[in-house]
N, C-alpha and C. Protein backbone atom coordinates (compact mmCIF):
# COMPACT_ATOMS: atom_id res chain seq x y z
N MET A 1 -17.15 1.90 20.38
CA MET A 1 -17.59 0.17 20.07
C MET A 1 -18.71 0.61 21.01
N PHE A 2 -19.34 -0.75 21.23
CA PHE A 2 -20.66 -1.02 21.57
C PHE A 2 -20.05 -1.23 23.27
N LYS A 3 -20.73 -1.02 24.29
CA LYS A 3 -20.25 -0.95 25.54
C LYS A 3 -21.33 -2.03 26.67
N LEU A 4 -21.71 -2.65 27.41
CA LEU A 4 -23.09 -3.25 27.87
C LEU A 4 -22.58 -2.37 28.90
N THR A 5 -24.16 -1.76 29.23
CA THR A 5 -24.09 -1.24 30.66
C THR A 5 -24.90 -1.74 31.14
N LYS A 6 -25.63 -1.48 32.41
CA LYS A 6 -26.57 -2.11 33.28
C LYS A 6 -27.49 -2.11 33.04
N HIS A 7 -27.70 -0.76 32.08
CA HIS A 7 -29.38 -1.30 31.61
C HIS A 7 -29.74 -2.08 30.76
N ILE A 8 -28.42 -2.27 29.75
CA ILE A 8 -29.13 -3.12 28.69
C ILE A 8 -28.60 -4.74 29.63
N ILE A 9 -27.97 -4.91 30.37
CA ILE A 9 -27.60 -6.14 30.86
C ILE A 9 -29.12 -6.95 31.84
N TRP A 10 -29.49 -5.67 32.48
CA TRP A 10 -31.19 -5.39 33.25
C TRP A 10 -32.17 -5.65 32.47
N TYR A 11 -32.56 -5.05 30.83
CA TYR A 11 -33.15 -5.09 29.90
C TYR A 11 -32.73 -6.44 29.14
N PHE A 12 -32.04 -7.37 29.07
CA PHE A 12 -31.78 -8.46 28.00
C PHE A 12 -32.44 -9.64 29.24
N THR A 13 -31.78 -9.29 30.76
CA THR A 13 -32.49 -10.31 32.07
C THR A 13 -33.66 -10.60 32.16
N LEU A 14 -34.68 -9.16 31.93
CA LEU A 14 -35.67 -9.19 31.91
C LEU A 14 -36.69 -9.68 31.45
N GLN A 15 -36.01 -10.06 29.67
CA GLN A 15 -36.88 -10.33 28.91
C GLN A 15 -36.68 -11.67 28.72
N PHE A 16 -35.37 -12.45 29.46
CA PHE A 16 -35.24 -13.65 29.55
C PHE A 16 -36.22 -13.98 30.39
N PHE A 17 -36.58 -13.60 31.38
CA PHE A 17 -37.68 -13.90 32.47
C PHE A 17 -38.86 -13.80 31.78
N CYS A 18 -39.01 -12.58 31.39
CA CYS A 18 -40.75 -12.86 30.91
C CYS A 18 -40.76 -13.95 30.11
N VAL A 19 -39.77 -14.33 29.04
CA VAL A 19 -40.08 -15.45 28.18
C VAL A 19 -40.17 -16.87 28.64
N ILE A 20 -39.70 -17.10 29.93
CA ILE A 20 -39.69 -18.69 31.05
C ILE A 20 -40.68 -18.29 31.51
N LEU A 21 -41.07 -17.21 32.58
CA LEU A 21 -42.36 -16.71 33.46
C LEU A 21 -43.56 -16.78 31.81
N PHE A 22 -44.14 -16.68 30.86
CA PHE A 22 -45.01 -17.12 29.65
C PHE A 22 -45.17 -18.19 29.46
N THR A 23 -43.85 -18.93 29.08
CA THR A 23 -44.03 -20.44 28.57
C THR A 23 -44.50 -21.21 29.77
N LEU A 24 -44.40 -20.83 31.50
CA LEU A 24 -44.66 -21.98 32.32
C LEU A 24 -46.49 -21.44 32.23
N LEU A 25 -46.93 -20.35 31.85
CA LEU A 25 -48.03 -19.63 32.01
C LEU A 25 -49.08 -20.55 30.67
N TYR A 26 -48.06 -20.43 29.12
CA TYR A 26 -49.24 -21.43 28.50
C TYR A 26 -48.65 -22.90 28.60
N TYR A 27 -48.11 -23.86 29.54
CA TYR A 27 -48.06 -24.44 29.72
C TYR A 27 -48.52 -25.60 30.53
N ILE A 28 -49.14 -24.58 31.89
CA ILE A 28 -49.89 -25.19 32.68
C ILE A 28 -51.49 -25.05 32.28
N ALA A 29 -51.67 -23.68 31.84
CA ALA A 29 -53.19 -23.39 31.00
C ALA A 29 -53.52 -24.52 29.76
N ASN A 30 -52.48 -25.15 29.45
CA ASN A 30 -52.48 -25.85 28.25
C ASN A 30 -53.09 -27.32 29.19
N GLU A 31 -52.19 -27.34 30.21
CA GLU A 31 -52.09 -28.92 30.64
C GLU A 31 -53.57 -29.05 31.85
N ILE A 32 -54.13 -27.36 31.76
CA ILE A 32 -55.43 -27.52 32.54
C ILE A 32 -56.74 -27.74 31.59
N GLY A 33 -56.35 -27.42 30.48
CA GLY A 33 -57.00 -27.67 29.63
C GLY A 33 -57.26 -29.33 29.01
N VAL A 34 -56.37 -30.09 28.89
CA VAL A 34 -55.85 -31.25 28.66
C VAL A 34 -57.04 -32.19 29.78
N LYS A 35 -56.57 -31.07 30.89
CA LYS A 35 -57.33 -31.90 32.03
C LYS A 35 -58.88 -32.25 31.79
N TYR A 36 -59.37 -30.93 32.08
CA TYR A 36 -60.22 -30.52 31.93
C TYR A 36 -60.86 -30.66 30.71
N LYS A 37 -60.59 -31.09 29.73
CA LYS A 37 -61.39 -31.86 28.38
C LYS A 37 -61.92 -30.35 28.00
N PHE A 38 -61.55 -29.26 27.67
CA PHE A 38 -61.77 -27.73 26.85
C PHE A 38 -61.81 -28.26 25.31
N ILE A 39 -63.09 -27.40 24.97
CA ILE A 39 -62.71 -27.90 23.70
C ILE A 39 -62.93 -26.45 23.07
N SER A 40 -62.05 -26.42 21.89
CA SER A 40 -60.84 -25.30 20.91
C SER A 40 -62.24 -24.71 20.37
N THR A 41 -62.51 -23.50 20.31
CA THR A 41 -63.81 -22.52 19.64
C THR A 41 -63.28 -22.73 18.30
N ARG A 42 -61.80 -22.35 17.96
CA ARG A 42 -61.77 -22.68 16.62
C ARG A 42 -62.26 -23.65 15.88
N THR A 43 -61.50 -25.12 16.66
CA THR A 43 -62.16 -26.44 15.57
C THR A 43 -62.78 -26.86 16.30
N HIS A 44 -63.64 -26.80 17.44
CA HIS A 44 -64.60 -27.32 18.26
C HIS A 44 -64.11 -28.70 17.88
N LYS A 45 -62.70 -28.96 18.74
CA LYS A 45 -62.45 -30.15 19.33
C LYS A 45 -61.68 -30.47 20.34
N PRO A 46 -61.80 -31.01 21.29
CA PRO A 46 -61.01 -30.74 22.33
C PRO A 46 -59.53 -30.71 22.29
N VAL A 47 -59.01 -29.63 23.17
CA VAL A 47 -57.61 -29.15 23.21
C VAL A 47 -56.11 -30.26 23.19
N LYS A 48 -55.29 -30.52 22.19
CA LYS A 48 -54.39 -31.32 22.48
C LYS A 48 -53.41 -30.81 22.96
N LYS A 49 -52.58 -31.68 23.90
CA LYS A 49 -51.37 -30.95 24.53
C LYS A 49 -50.37 -30.73 23.68
N VAL A 50 -49.33 -29.66 24.32
CA VAL A 50 -48.15 -29.53 23.81
C VAL A 50 -47.20 -30.22 24.55
N SER A 51 -46.00 -29.79 23.98
CA SER A 51 -45.18 -30.38 24.60
C SER A 51 -44.51 -28.68 25.04
N PHE A 52 -43.35 -28.80 26.05
CA PHE A 52 -42.92 -27.78 27.21
C PHE A 52 -41.84 -27.12 26.37
N LEU A 53 -41.45 -27.88 24.86
CA LEU A 53 -40.86 -26.99 24.12
C LEU A 53 -41.67 -26.27 22.93
N ASP A 54 -42.62 -26.26 22.79
CA ASP A 54 -43.45 -25.88 21.74
C ASP A 54 -44.05 -24.54 22.34
N CYS A 55 -44.45 -24.72 23.87
CA CYS A 55 -44.27 -23.08 24.73
C CYS A 55 -43.46 -22.31 24.50
N LEU A 56 -42.45 -23.05 24.79
CA LEU A 56 -41.07 -22.18 25.08
C LEU A 56 -40.68 -21.43 23.36
N HIS A 57 -41.54 -22.22 22.66
CA HIS A 57 -41.28 -21.48 21.26
C HIS A 57 -42.20 -20.42 21.04
N PHE A 58 -43.35 -20.89 21.47
CA PHE A 58 -44.30 -20.20 20.95
C PHE A 58 -44.28 -19.03 21.66
N SER A 59 -43.67 -18.53 23.30
CA SER A 59 -43.35 -17.72 23.76
C SER A 59 -41.69 -17.03 23.51
N LEU A 60 -40.89 -17.32 22.85
CA LEU A 60 -39.85 -16.67 22.32
C LEU A 60 -40.47 -15.59 21.09
N ILE A 61 -41.42 -16.55 20.28
CA ILE A 61 -41.34 -16.20 19.23
C ILE A 61 -42.35 -14.76 19.52
N THR A 62 -43.54 -15.16 20.01
CA THR A 62 -44.24 -13.43 20.77
C THR A 62 -43.38 -12.94 21.47
N GLN A 63 -42.49 -13.13 22.13
CA GLN A 63 -41.63 -12.27 22.97
C GLN A 63 -40.81 -10.96 22.07
N THR A 64 -40.22 -11.54 21.13
CA THR A 64 -39.35 -11.29 20.09
C THR A 64 -40.12 -10.18 19.36
N THR A 65 -41.31 -10.53 18.62
CA THR A 65 -41.82 -9.86 17.84
C THR A 65 -43.22 -8.62 18.22
N VAL A 66 -42.96 -8.91 19.17
CA VAL A 66 -44.21 -7.65 20.28
C VAL A 66 -43.02 -7.14 20.33
């Protein structure tokens, strides 16, 4: 049967903290972009404010697919 070892628990804990870390980084980067009115290179419009949950979703999807 499947047995949880220290390595498996450590791996999932590390992945969880990576998701939280990158969520915070995405959110802070967006706040800076909104504050200083950065322009998107793709749309040539000012950066729009996104929510913390949007950053969490993006981080979680990126972490699980990479």
